[in-house]
């Protein structure tokens, strides 16, 4: 019954990071959110 941030989230992130060969994987709500969050994390803003 842990529908949000249940144990499968961390399990999947570890499996995907290992597959892609990266230190970190962060699952998100969609591919669009992935791009948006990446831009935000990088500090991209007006102009």
ModelCIF file with pLDDT and N, C-alpha, C, O atoms, coordinates in Angstrom:
data_MODEL
#
_entry.id   MODEL 
#
_entity.id                         1 
_entity.type                       polymer 
_entity.pdbx_number_of_molecules   1 
#
_entity_poly.entity_id                      1 
_entity_poly.type                           'polypeptide(L)' 
_entity_poly.nstd_linkage                   no 
_entity_poly.nstd_monomer                   no 
_entity_poly.pdbx_seq_one_letter_code       
;(UNK)(UNK)(UNK)(UNK)(UNK)(UNK)(UNK)(UNK)(UNK)(UNK)(UNK)(UNK)(UNK)(UNK)(UNK)(UNK)
(UNK)(UNK)(UNK)(UNK)(UNK)(UNK)(UNK)(UNK)(UNK)(UNK)(UNK)(UNK)(UNK)(UNK)(UNK)(UNK)
(UNK)(UNK)(UNK)(UNK)(UNK)(UNK)(UNK)(UNK)(UNK)(UNK)(UNK)(UNK)(UNK)(UNK)(UNK)
;
_entity_poly.pdbx_seq_one_letter_code_can   XXXXXXXXXXXXXXXXXXXXXXXXXXXXXXXXXXXXXXXXXXXXXXX 
_entity_poly.pdbx_strand_id                 A 
#
loop_
_entity_poly_seq.entity_id 
_entity_poly_seq.num 
_entity_poly_seq.mon_id 
_entity_poly_seq.hetero 
1 1  UNK n 
1 2  UNK n 
1 3  UNK n 
1 4  UNK n 
1 5  UNK n 
1 6  UNK n 
1 7  UNK n 
1 8  UNK n 
1 9  UNK n 
1 10 UNK n 
1 11 UNK n 
1 12 UNK n 
1 13 UNK n 
1 14 UNK n 
1 15 UNK n 
1 16 UNK n 
1 17 UNK n 
1 18 UNK n 
1 19 UNK n 
1 20 UNK n 
1 21 UNK n 
1 22 UNK n 
1 23 UNK n 
1 24 UNK n 
1 25 UNK n 
1 26 UNK n 
1 27 UNK n 
1 28 UNK n 
1 29 UNK n 
1 30 UNK n 
1 31 UNK n 
1 32 UNK n 
1 33 UNK n 
1 34 UNK n 
1 35 UNK n 
1 36 UNK n 
1 37 UNK n 
1 38 UNK n 
1 39 UNK n 
1 40 UNK n 
1 41 UNK n 
1 42 UNK n 
1 43 UNK n 
1 44 UNK n 
1 45 UNK n 
1 46 UNK n 
1 47 UNK n 
#
_struct_asym.id          A 
_struct_asym.entity_id   1 
#
loop_
_ma_qa_metric.id 
_ma_qa_metric.mode 
_ma_qa_metric.name 
_ma_qa_metric.software_group_id 
_ma_qa_metric.type 
1 global pLDDT . pLDDT 
2 local  pLDDT . pLDDT 
#
_ma_qa_metric_global.metric_id      1 
_ma_qa_metric_global.metric_value   97.94 
_ma_qa_metric_global.model_id       1 
_ma_qa_metric_global.ordinal_id     1 
#
loop_
_ma_qa_metric_local.label_asym_id 
_ma_qa_metric_local.label_comp_id 
_ma_qa_metric_local.label_seq_id 
_ma_qa_metric_local.metric_id 
_ma_qa_metric_local.metric_value 
_ma_qa_metric_local.model_id 
_ma_qa_metric_local.ordinal_id 
A UNK 1  2 98.00 1 1  
A UNK 2  2 98.00 1 2  
A UNK 3  2 98.00 1 3  
A UNK 4  2 97.00 1 4  
A UNK 5  2 97.00 1 5  
A UNK 6  2 98.00 1 6  
A UNK 7  2 98.00 1 7  
A UNK 8  2 98.00 1 8  
A UNK 9  2 98.00 1 9  
A UNK 10 2 98.00 1 10 
A UNK 11 2 98.00 1 11 
A UNK 12 2 98.00 1 12 
A UNK 13 2 98.00 1 13 
A UNK 14 2 98.00 1 14 
A UNK 15 2 98.00 1 15 
A UNK 16 2 98.00 1 16 
A UNK 17 2 98.00 1 17 
A UNK 18 2 98.00 1 18 
A UNK 19 2 98.00 1 19 
A UNK 20 2 98.00 1 20 
A UNK 21 2 98.00 1 21 
A UNK 22 2 98.00 1 22 
A UNK 23 2 98.00 1 23 
A UNK 24 2 98.00 1 24 
A UNK 25 2 98.00 1 25 
A UNK 26 2 98.00 1 26 
A UNK 27 2 98.00 1 27 
A UNK 28 2 98.00 1 28 
A UNK 29 2 98.00 1 29 
A UNK 30 2 98.00 1 30 
A UNK 31 2 98.00 1 31 
A UNK 32 2 98.00 1 32 
A UNK 33 2 98.00 1 33 
A UNK 34 2 98.00 1 34 
A UNK 35 2 98.00 1 35 
A UNK 36 2 98.00 1 36 
A UNK 37 2 98.00 1 37 
A UNK 38 2 98.00 1 38 
A UNK 39 2 98.00 1 39 
A UNK 40 2 98.00 1 40 
A UNK 41 2 98.00 1 41 
A UNK 42 2 98.00 1 42 
A UNK 43 2 98.00 1 43 
A UNK 44 2 98.00 1 44 
A UNK 45 2 98.00 1 45 
A UNK 46 2 98.00 1 46 
A UNK 47 2 97.00 1 47 
#
loop_
_atom_site.group_PDB 
_atom_site.id 
_atom_site.type_symbol 
_atom_site.label_atom_id 
_atom_site.label_alt_id 
_atom_site.label_comp_id 
_atom_site.label_asym_id 
_atom_site.label_entity_id 
_atom_site.label_seq_id 
_atom_site.pdbx_PDB_ins_code 
_atom_site.Cartn_x 
_atom_site.Cartn_y 
_atom_site.Cartn_z 
_atom_site.occupancy 
_atom_site.B_iso_or_equiv 
_atom_site.pdbx_formal_charge 
_atom_site.auth_seq_id 
_atom_site.auth_comp_id 
_atom_site.auth_asym_id 
_atom_site.auth_atom_id 
_atom_site.pdbx_PDB_model_num 
ATOM 1   N N  . UNK A 1 1  ? 0.763  -1.241 0.000   1.00 98.00 ? 1  UNK A N  1 
ATOM 2   C CA . UNK A 1 1  ? 0.000  0.000  0.000   1.00 98.00 ? 1  UNK A CA 1 
ATOM 3   C C  . UNK A 1 1  ? 0.794  1.291  0.000   1.00 98.00 ? 1  UNK A C  1 
ATOM 4   O O  . UNK A 1 1  ? 0.229  2.353  0.260   1.00 98.00 ? 1  UNK A O  1 
ATOM 5   N N  . UNK A 1 2  ? 2.083  1.234  -0.283  1.00 98.00 ? 2  UNK A N  1 
ATOM 6   C CA . UNK A 1 2  ? 2.902  2.459  -0.321  1.00 98.00 ? 2  UNK A CA 1 
ATOM 7   C C  . UNK A 1 2  ? 2.973  2.946  -1.777  1.00 98.00 ? 2  UNK A C  1 
ATOM 8   O O  . UNK A 1 2  ? 3.940  2.681  -2.491  1.00 98.00 ? 2  UNK A O  1 
ATOM 9   N N  . UNK A 1 3  ? 1.941  3.653  -2.187  1.00 98.00 ? 3  UNK A N  1 
ATOM 10  C CA . UNK A 1 3  ? 1.789  4.006  -3.593  1.00 98.00 ? 3  UNK A CA 1 
ATOM 11  C C  . UNK A 1 3  ? 2.682  5.174  -4.026  1.00 98.00 ? 3  UNK A C  1 
ATOM 12  O O  . UNK A 1 3  ? 2.948  5.352  -5.215  1.00 98.00 ? 3  UNK A O  1 
ATOM 13  N N  . UNK A 1 4  ? 3.131  5.950  -3.072  1.00 97.00 ? 4  UNK A N  1 
ATOM 14  C CA . UNK A 1 4  ? 4.040  7.070  -3.351  1.00 97.00 ? 4  UNK A CA 1 
ATOM 15  C C  . UNK A 1 4  ? 5.344  6.824  -2.606  1.00 97.00 ? 4  UNK A C  1 
ATOM 16  O O  . UNK A 1 4  ? 5.355  6.667  -1.385  1.00 97.00 ? 4  UNK A O  1 
ATOM 17  N N  . UNK A 1 5  ? 6.443  6.793  -3.353  1.00 97.00 ? 5  UNK A N  1 
ATOM 18  C CA . UNK A 1 5  ? 7.785  6.588  -2.792  1.00 97.00 ? 5  UNK A CA 1 
ATOM 19  C C  . UNK A 1 5  ? 7.894  5.283  -1.997  1.00 97.00 ? 5  UNK A C  1 
ATOM 20  O O  . UNK A 1 5  ? 8.577  5.222  -0.975  1.00 97.00 ? 5  UNK A O  1 
ATOM 21  N N  . UNK A 1 6  ? 7.208  4.241  -2.483  1.00 98.00 ? 6  UNK A N  1 
ATOM 22  C CA . UNK A 1 6  ? 7.334  2.925  -1.871  1.00 98.00 ? 6  UNK A CA 1 
ATOM 23  C C  . UNK A 1 6  ? 8.690  2.299  -2.168  1.00 98.00 ? 6  UNK A C  1 
ATOM 24  O O  . UNK A 1 6  ? 9.493  2.891  -2.889  1.00 98.00 ? 6  UNK A O  1 
ATOM 25  N N  . UNK A 1 7  ? 8.958  1.120  -1.628  1.00 98.00 ? 7  UNK A N  1 
ATOM 26  C CA . UNK A 1 7  ? 10.289 0.517  -1.757  1.00 98.00 ? 7  UNK A CA 1 
ATOM 27  C C  . UNK A 1 7  ? 10.698 0.221  -3.194  1.00 98.00 ? 7  UNK A C  1 
ATOM 28  O O  . UNK A 1 7  ? 11.891 0.165  -3.491  1.00 98.00 ? 7  UNK A O  1 
ATOM 29  N N  . UNK A 1 8  ? 9.737  0.030  -4.089  1.00 98.00 ? 8  UNK A N  1 
ATOM 30  C CA . UNK A 1 8  ? 10.071 -0.237 -5.488  1.00 98.00 ? 8  UNK A CA 1 
ATOM 31  C C  . UNK A 1 8  ? 10.749 0.953  -6.160  1.00 98.00 ? 8  UNK A C  1 
ATOM 32  O O  . UNK A 1 8  ? 11.471 0.782  -7.143  1.00 98.00 ? 8  UNK A O  1 
ATOM 33  N N  . UNK A 1 9  ? 10.521 2.156  -5.639  1.00 98.00 ? 9  UNK A N  1 
ATOM 34  C CA . UNK A 1 9  ? 11.159 3.343  -6.223  1.00 98.00 ? 9  UNK A CA 1 
ATOM 35  C C  . UNK A 1 9  ? 12.672 3.254  -6.069  1.00 98.00 ? 9  UNK A C  1 
ATOM 36  O O  . UNK A 1 9  ? 13.408 3.368  -7.049  1.00 98.00 ? 9  UNK A O  1 
ATOM 37  N N  . UNK A 1 10 ? 13.133 3.050  -4.841  1.00 98.00 ? 10 UNK A N  1 
ATOM 38  C CA . UNK A 1 10 ? 14.575 2.938  -4.594  1.00 98.00 ? 10 UNK A CA 1 
ATOM 39  C C  . UNK A 1 10 ? 15.161 1.714  -5.290  1.00 98.00 ? 10 UNK A C  1 
ATOM 40  O O  . UNK A 1 10 ? 16.284 1.757  -5.792  1.00 98.00 ? 10 UNK A O  1 
ATOM 41  N N  . UNK A 1 11 ? 14.395 0.619  -5.318  1.00 98.00 ? 11 UNK A N  1 
ATOM 42  C CA . UNK A 1 11 ? 14.879 -0.594 -5.992  1.00 98.00 ? 11 UNK A CA 1 
ATOM 43  C C  . UNK A 1 11 ? 15.097 -0.339 -7.483  1.00 98.00 ? 11 UNK A C  1 
ATOM 44  O O  . UNK A 1 11 ? 16.113 -0.741 -8.050  1.00 98.00 ? 11 UNK A O  1 
ATOM 45  N N  . UNK A 1 12 ? 14.137 0.330  -8.104  1.00 98.00 ? 12 UNK A N  1 
ATOM 46  C CA . UNK A 1 12 ? 14.260 0.624  -9.526  1.00 98.00 ? 12 UNK A CA 1 
ATOM 47  C C  . UNK A 1 12 ? 15.415 1.595  -9.789  1.00 98.00 ? 12 UNK A C  1 
ATOM 48  O O  . UNK A 1 12 ? 16.175 1.417  -10.740 1.00 98.00 ? 12 UNK A O  1 
ATOM 49  N N  . UNK A 1 13 ? 15.540 2.606  -8.956  1.00 98.00 ? 13 UNK A N  1 
ATOM 50  C CA . UNK A 1 13 ? 16.611 3.574  -9.160  1.00 98.00 ? 13 UNK A CA 1 
ATOM 51  C C  . UNK A 1 13 ? 17.983 2.905  -9.095  1.00 98.00 ? 13 UNK A C  1 
ATOM 52  O O  . UNK A 1 13 ? 18.867 3.227  -9.889  1.00 98.00 ? 13 UNK A O  1 
ATOM 53  N N  . UNK A 1 14 ? 18.162 1.995  -8.172  1.00 98.00 ? 14 UNK A N  1 
ATOM 54  C CA . UNK A 1 14 ? 19.443 1.286  -8.077  1.00 98.00 ? 14 UNK A CA 1 
ATOM 55  C C  . UNK A 1 14 ? 19.680 0.416  -9.315  1.00 98.00 ? 14 UNK A C  1 
ATOM 56  O O  . UNK A 1 14 ? 20.791 0.372  -9.842  1.00 98.00 ? 14 UNK A O  1 
ATOM 57  N N  . UNK A 1 15 ? 18.645 -0.267 -9.771  1.00 98.00 ? 15 UNK A N  1 
ATOM 58  C CA . UNK A 1 15 ? 18.783 -1.141 -10.936 1.00 98.00 ? 15 UNK A CA 1 
ATOM 59  C C  . UNK A 1 15 ? 19.066 -0.338 -12.204 1.00 98.00 ? 15 UNK A C  1 
ATOM 60  O O  . UNK A 1 15 ? 19.892 -0.743 -13.022 1.00 98.00 ? 15 UNK A O  1 
ATOM 61  N N  . UNK A 1 16 ? 18.391 0.792  -12.372 1.00 98.00 ? 16 UNK A N  1 
ATOM 62  C CA . UNK A 1 16 ? 18.589 1.608  -13.567 1.00 98.00 ? 16 UNK A CA 1 
ATOM 63  C C  . UNK A 1 16 ? 19.961 2.274  -13.569 1.00 98.00 ? 16 UNK A C  1 
ATOM 64  O O  . UNK A 1 16 ? 20.607 2.359  -14.613 1.00 98.00 ? 16 UNK A O  1 
ATOM 65  N N  . UNK A 1 17 ? 20.411 2.746  -12.407 1.00 98.00 ? 17 UNK A N  1 
ATOM 66  C CA . UNK A 1 17 ? 21.742 3.349  -12.325 1.00 98.00 ? 17 UNK A CA 1 
ATOM 67  C C  . UNK A 1 17 ? 22.814 2.331  -12.693 1.00 98.00 ? 17 UNK A C  1 
ATOM 68  O O  . UNK A 1 17 ? 23.766 2.655  -13.403 1.00 98.00 ? 17 UNK A O  1 
ATOM 69  N N  . UNK A 1 18 ? 22.661 1.101  -12.210 1.00 98.00 ? 18 UNK A N  1 
ATOM 70  C CA . UNK A 1 18 ? 23.615 0.051  -12.545 1.00 98.00 ? 18 UNK A CA 1 
ATOM 71  C C  . UNK A 1 18 ? 23.590 -0.250 -14.037 1.00 98.00 ? 18 UNK A C  1 
ATOM 72  O O  . UNK A 1 18 ? 24.637 -0.465 -14.649 1.00 98.00 ? 18 UNK A O  1 
ATOM 73  N N  . UNK A 1 19 ? 22.406 -0.267 -14.618 1.00 98.00 ? 19 UNK A N  1 
ATOM 74  C CA . UNK A 1 19 ? 22.276 -0.543 -16.051 1.00 98.00 ? 19 UNK A CA 1 
ATOM 75  C C  . UNK A 1 19 ? 22.925 0.556  -16.883 1.00 98.00 ? 19 UNK A C  1 
ATOM 76  O O  . UNK A 1 19 ? 23.652 0.271  -17.835 1.00 98.00 ? 19 UNK A O  1 
ATOM 77  N N  . UNK A 1 20 ? 22.664 1.810  -16.526 1.00 98.00 ? 20 UNK A N  1 
ATOM 78  C CA . UNK A 1 20 ? 23.186 2.937  -17.301 1.00 98.00 ? 20 UNK A CA 1 
ATOM 79  C C  . UNK A 1 20 ? 24.636 3.256  -16.983 1.00 98.00 ? 20 UNK A C  1 
ATOM 80  O O  . UNK A 1 20 ? 25.295 3.972  -17.736 1.00 98.00 ? 20 UNK A O  1 
ATOM 81  N N  . UNK A 1 21 ? 25.140 2.726  -15.866 1.00 98.00 ? 21 UNK A N  1 
ATOM 82  C CA . UNK A 1 21 ? 26.519 2.979  -15.482 1.00 98.00 ? 21 UNK A CA 1 
ATOM 83  C C  . UNK A 1 21 ? 26.739 4.340  -14.868 1.00 98.00 ? 21 UNK A C  1 
ATOM 84  O O  . UNK A 1 21 ? 27.776 4.964  -15.091 1.00 98.00 ? 21 UNK A O  1 
ATOM 85  N N  . UNK A 1 22 ? 25.761 4.815  -14.084 1.00 98.00 ? 22 UNK A N  1 
ATOM 86  C CA . UNK A 1 22 ? 25.874 6.116  -13.435 1.00 98.00 ? 22 UNK A CA 1 
ATOM 87  C C  . UNK A 1 22 ? 25.825 5.970  -11.921 1.00 98.00 ? 22 UNK A C  1 
ATOM 88  O O  . UNK A 1 22 ? 25.383 4.948  -11.397 1.00 98.00 ? 22 UNK A O  1 
ATOM 89  N N  . UNK A 1 23 ? 26.282 6.997  -11.232 1.00 98.00 ? 23 UNK A N  1 
ATOM 90  C CA . UNK A 1 23 ? 26.246 6.997  -9.764  1.00 98.00 ? 23 UNK A CA 1 
ATOM 91  C C  . UNK A 1 23 ? 24.827 7.158  -9.244  1.00 98.00 ? 23 UNK A C  1 
ATOM 92  O O  . UNK A 1 23 ? 24.466 6.602  -8.207  1.00 98.00 ? 23 UNK A O  1 
ATOM 93  N N  . UNK A 1 24 ? 24.027 7.924  -9.975  1.00 98.00 ? 24 UNK A N  1 
ATOM 94  C CA . UNK A 1 24 ? 22.699 8.272  -9.462  1.00 98.00 ? 24 UNK A CA 1 
ATOM 95  C C  . UNK A 1 24 ? 21.634 8.060  -10.534 1.00 98.00 ? 24 UNK A C  1 
ATOM 96  O O  . UNK A 1 24 ? 21.871 8.296  -11.719 1.00 98.00 ? 24 UNK A O  1 
ATOM 97  N N  . UNK A 1 25 ? 20.470 7.616  -10.102 1.00 98.00 ? 25 UNK A N  1 
ATOM 98  C CA . UNK A 1 25 ? 19.250 7.627  -10.900 1.00 98.00 ? 25 UNK A CA 1 
ATOM 99  C C  . UNK A 1 25 ? 18.147 8.205  -10.030 1.00 98.00 ? 25 UNK A C  1 
ATOM 100 O O  . UNK A 1 25 ? 17.997 7.818  -8.871  1.00 98.00 ? 25 UNK A O  1 
ATOM 101 N N  . UNK A 1 26 ? 17.382 9.125  -10.581 1.00 98.00 ? 26 UNK A N  1 
ATOM 102 C CA . UNK A 1 26 ? 16.270 9.743  -9.864  1.00 98.00 ? 26 UNK A CA 1 
ATOM 103 C C  . UNK A 1 26 ? 15.024 9.538  -10.714 1.00 98.00 ? 26 UNK A C  1 
ATOM 104 O O  . UNK A 1 26 ? 14.903 10.153 -11.774 1.00 98.00 ? 26 UNK A O  1 
ATOM 105 N N  . UNK A 1 27 ? 14.100 8.697  -10.282 1.00 98.00 ? 27 UNK A N  1 
ATOM 106 C CA . UNK A 1 27 ? 12.870 8.502  -11.034 1.00 98.00 ? 27 UNK A CA 1 
ATOM 107 C C  . UNK A 1 27 ? 11.966 9.713  -10.869 1.00 98.00 ? 27 UNK A C  1 
ATOM 108 O O  . UNK A 1 27 ? 11.933 10.345 -9.813  1.00 98.00 ? 27 UNK A O  1 
ATOM 109 N N  . UNK A 1 28 ? 11.229 10.026 -11.939 1.00 98.00 ? 28 UNK A N  1 
ATOM 110 C CA . UNK A 1 28 ? 10.342 11.194 -11.943 1.00 98.00 ? 28 UNK A CA 1 
ATOM 111 C C  . UNK A 1 28 ? 9.052  10.847 -12.671 1.00 98.00 ? 28 UNK A C  1 
ATOM 112 O O  . UNK A 1 28 ? 8.895  9.744  -13.196 1.00 98.00 ? 28 UNK A O  1 
ATOM 113 N N  . UNK A 1 29 ? 8.139  11.798 -12.695 1.00 98.00 ? 29 UNK A N  1 
ATOM 114 C CA . UNK A 1 29 ? 6.778  11.522 -13.134 1.00 98.00 ? 29 UNK A CA 1 
ATOM 115 C C  . UNK A 1 29 ? 6.631  11.306 -14.636 1.00 98.00 ? 29 UNK A C  1 
ATOM 116 O O  . UNK A 1 29 ? 5.657  10.692 -15.071 1.00 98.00 ? 29 UNK A O  1 
ATOM 117 N N  . UNK A 1 30 ? 7.568  11.792 -15.433 1.00 98.00 ? 30 UNK A N  1 
ATOM 118 C CA . UNK A 1 30 ? 7.476  11.649 -16.889 1.00 98.00 ? 30 UNK A CA 1 
ATOM 119 C C  . UNK A 1 30 ? 8.798  12.062 -17.510 1.00 98.00 ? 30 UNK A C  1 
ATOM 120 O O  . UNK A 1 30 ? 9.674  12.604 -16.835 1.00 98.00 ? 30 UNK A O  1 
ATOM 121 N N  . UNK A 1 31 ? 8.932  11.802 -18.792 1.00 98.00 ? 31 UNK A N  1 
ATOM 122 C CA . UNK A 1 31 ? 10.114 12.278 -19.494 1.00 98.00 ? 31 UNK A CA 1 
ATOM 123 C C  . UNK A 1 31 ? 10.180 13.794 -19.536 1.00 98.00 ? 31 UNK A C  1 
ATOM 124 O O  . UNK A 1 31 ? 11.264 14.375 -19.484 1.00 98.00 ? 31 UNK A O  1 
ATOM 125 N N  . UNK A 1 32 ? 9.030  14.430 -19.631 1.00 98.00 ? 32 UNK A N  1 
ATOM 126 C CA . UNK A 1 32 ? 8.989  15.893 -19.619 1.00 98.00 ? 32 UNK A CA 1 
ATOM 127 C C  . UNK A 1 32 ? 9.460  16.431 -18.273 1.00 98.00 ? 32 UNK A C  1 
ATOM 128 O O  . UNK A 1 32 ? 10.249 17.374 -18.223 1.00 98.00 ? 32 UNK A O  1 
ATOM 129 N N  . UNK A 1 33 ? 8.982  15.837 -17.186 1.00 98.00 ? 33 UNK A N  1 
ATOM 130 C CA . UNK A 1 33 ? 9.449  16.249 -15.860 1.00 98.00 ? 33 UNK A CA 1 
ATOM 131 C C  . UNK A 1 33 ? 10.951 16.025 -15.712 1.00 98.00 ? 33 UNK A C  1 
ATOM 132 O O  . UNK A 1 33 ? 11.634 16.810 -15.055 1.00 98.00 ? 33 UNK A O  1 
ATOM 133 N N  . UNK A 1 34 ? 11.465 14.964 -16.317 1.00 98.00 ? 34 UNK A N  1 
ATOM 134 C CA . UNK A 1 34 ? 12.904 14.715 -16.244 1.00 98.00 ? 34 UNK A CA 1 
ATOM 135 C C  . UNK A 1 34 ? 13.684 15.877 -16.851 1.00 98.00 ? 34 UNK A C  1 
ATOM 136 O O  . UNK A 1 34 ? 14.670 16.332 -16.272 1.00 98.00 ? 34 UNK A O  1 
ATOM 137 N N  . UNK A 1 35 ? 13.252 16.353 -18.002 1.00 98.00 ? 35 UNK A N  1 
ATOM 138 C CA . UNK A 1 35 ? 13.928 17.492 -18.633 1.00 98.00 ? 35 UNK A CA 1 
ATOM 139 C C  . UNK A 1 35 ? 13.775 18.758 -17.797 1.00 98.00 ? 35 UNK A C  1 
ATOM 140 O O  . UNK A 1 35 ? 14.738 19.495 -17.588 1.00 98.00 ? 35 UNK A O  1 
ATOM 141 N N  . UNK A 1 36 ? 12.567 19.000 -17.326 1.00 98.00 ? 36 UNK A N  1 
ATOM 142 C CA . UNK A 1 36 ? 12.306 20.205 -16.532 1.00 98.00 ? 36 UNK A CA 1 
ATOM 143 C C  . UNK A 1 36 ? 13.146 20.207 -15.258 1.00 98.00 ? 36 UNK A C  1 
ATOM 144 O O  . UNK A 1 36 ? 13.770 21.214 -14.925 1.00 98.00 ? 36 UNK A O  1 
ATOM 145 N N  . UNK A 1 37 ? 13.163 19.097 -14.556 1.00 98.00 ? 37 UNK A N  1 
ATOM 146 C CA . UNK A 1 37 ? 13.910 19.011 -13.298 1.00 98.00 ? 37 UNK A CA 1 
ATOM 147 C C  . UNK A 1 37 ? 15.408 19.125 -13.557 1.00 98.00 ? 37 UNK A C  1 
ATOM 148 O O  . UNK A 1 37 ? 16.122 19.738 -12.764 1.00 98.00 ? 37 UNK A O  1 
ATOM 149 N N  . UNK A 1 38 ? 15.890 18.552 -14.640 1.00 98.00 ? 38 UNK A N  1 
ATOM 150 C CA . UNK A 1 38 ? 17.310 18.687 -14.978 1.00 98.00 ? 38 UNK A CA 1 
ATOM 151 C C  . UNK A 1 38 ? 17.679 20.143 -15.205 1.00 98.00 ? 38 UNK A C  1 
ATOM 152 O O  . UNK A 1 38 ? 18.706 20.612 -14.714 1.00 98.00 ? 38 UNK A O  1 
ATOM 153 N N  . UNK A 1 39 ? 16.855 20.850 -15.938 1.00 98.00 ? 39 UNK A N  1 
ATOM 154 C CA . UNK A 1 39 ? 17.110 22.275 -16.188 1.00 98.00 ? 39 UNK A CA 1 
ATOM 155 C C  . UNK A 1 39 ? 17.064 23.072 -14.884 1.00 98.00 ? 39 UNK A C  1 
ATOM 156 O O  . UNK A 1 39 ? 17.903 23.942 -14.651 1.00 98.00 ? 39 UNK A O  1 
ATOM 157 N N  . UNK A 1 40 ? 16.085 22.770 -14.044 1.00 98.00 ? 40 UNK A N  1 
ATOM 158 C CA . UNK A 1 40 ? 15.980 23.473 -12.765 1.00 98.00 ? 40 UNK A CA 1 
ATOM 159 C C  . UNK A 1 40 ? 17.177 23.184 -11.874 1.00 98.00 ? 40 UNK A C  1 
ATOM 160 O O  . UNK A 1 40 ? 17.722 24.090 -11.245 1.00 98.00 ? 40 UNK A O  1 
ATOM 161 N N  . UNK A 1 41 ? 17.587 21.912 -11.821 1.00 98.00 ? 41 UNK A N  1 
ATOM 162 C CA . UNK A 1 41 ? 18.739 21.546 -10.994 1.00 98.00 ? 41 UNK A CA 1 
ATOM 163 C C  . UNK A 1 41 ? 20.010 22.232 -11.470 1.00 98.00 ? 41 UNK A C  1 
ATOM 164 O O  . UNK A 1 41 ? 20.900 22.532 -10.675 1.00 98.00 ? 41 UNK A O  1 
ATOM 165 N N  . UNK A 1 42 ? 20.087 22.481 -12.783 1.00 98.00 ? 42 UNK A N  1 
ATOM 166 C CA . UNK A 1 42 ? 21.250 23.153 -13.353 1.00 98.00 ? 42 UNK A CA 1 
ATOM 167 C C  . UNK A 1 42 ? 21.185 24.672 -13.216 1.00 98.00 ? 42 UNK A C  1 
ATOM 168 O O  . UNK A 1 42 ? 22.111 25.379 -13.613 1.00 98.00 ? 42 UNK A O  1 
ATOM 169 N N  . UNK A 1 43 ? 20.089 25.164 -12.654 1.00 98.00 ? 43 UNK A N  1 
ATOM 170 C CA . UNK A 1 43 ? 19.965 26.603 -12.429 1.00 98.00 ? 43 UNK A CA 1 
ATOM 171 C C  . UNK A 1 43 ? 19.563 27.406 -13.646 1.00 98.00 ? 43 UNK A C  1 
ATOM 172 O O  . UNK A 1 43 ? 19.774 28.619 -13.680 1.00 98.00 ? 43 UNK A O  1 
ATOM 173 N N  . UNK A 1 44 ? 18.992 26.761 -14.643 1.00 98.00 ? 44 UNK A N  1 
ATOM 174 C CA . UNK A 1 44 ? 18.574 27.476 -15.848 1.00 98.00 ? 44 UNK A CA 1 
ATOM 175 C C  . UNK A 1 44 ? 17.352 28.326 -15.527 1.00 98.00 ? 44 UNK A C  1 
ATOM 176 O O  . UNK A 1 44 ? 16.399 27.858 -14.905 1.00 98.00 ? 44 UNK A O  1 
ATOM 177 N N  . UNK A 1 45 ? 17.395 29.590 -15.964 1.00 98.00 ? 45 UNK A N  1 
ATOM 178 C CA . UNK A 1 45 ? 16.305 30.509 -15.647 1.00 98.00 ? 45 UNK A CA 1 
ATOM 179 C C  . UNK A 1 45 ? 16.101 31.557 -16.716 1.00 98.00 ? 45 UNK A C  1 
ATOM 180 O O  . UNK A 1 45 ? 16.631 31.425 -17.819 1.00 98.00 ? 45 UNK A O  1 
ATOM 181 N N  . UNK A 1 46 ? 15.343 32.596 -16.409 1.00 98.00 ? 46 UNK A N  1 
ATOM 182 C CA . UNK A 1 46 ? 14.992 33.619 -17.398 1.00 98.00 ? 46 UNK A CA 1 
ATOM 183 C C  . UNK A 1 46 ? 16.203 34.213 -18.108 1.00 98.00 ? 46 UNK A C  1 
ATOM 184 O O  . UNK A 1 46 ? 17.186 34.611 -17.482 1.00 98.00 ? 46 UNK A O  1 
ATOM 185 N N  . UNK A 1 47 ? 16.102 34.260 -19.436 1.00 97.00 ? 47 UNK A N  1 
ATOM 186 C CA . UNK A 1 47 ? 17.151 34.858 -20.250 1.00 97.00 ? 47 UNK A CA 1 
ATOM 187 C C  . UNK A 1 47 ? 18.287 33.934 -20.621 1.00 97.00 ? 47 UNK A C  1 
ATOM 188 O O  . UNK A 1 47 ? 19.221 34.348 -21.308 1.00 97.00 ? 47 UNK A O  1 
#
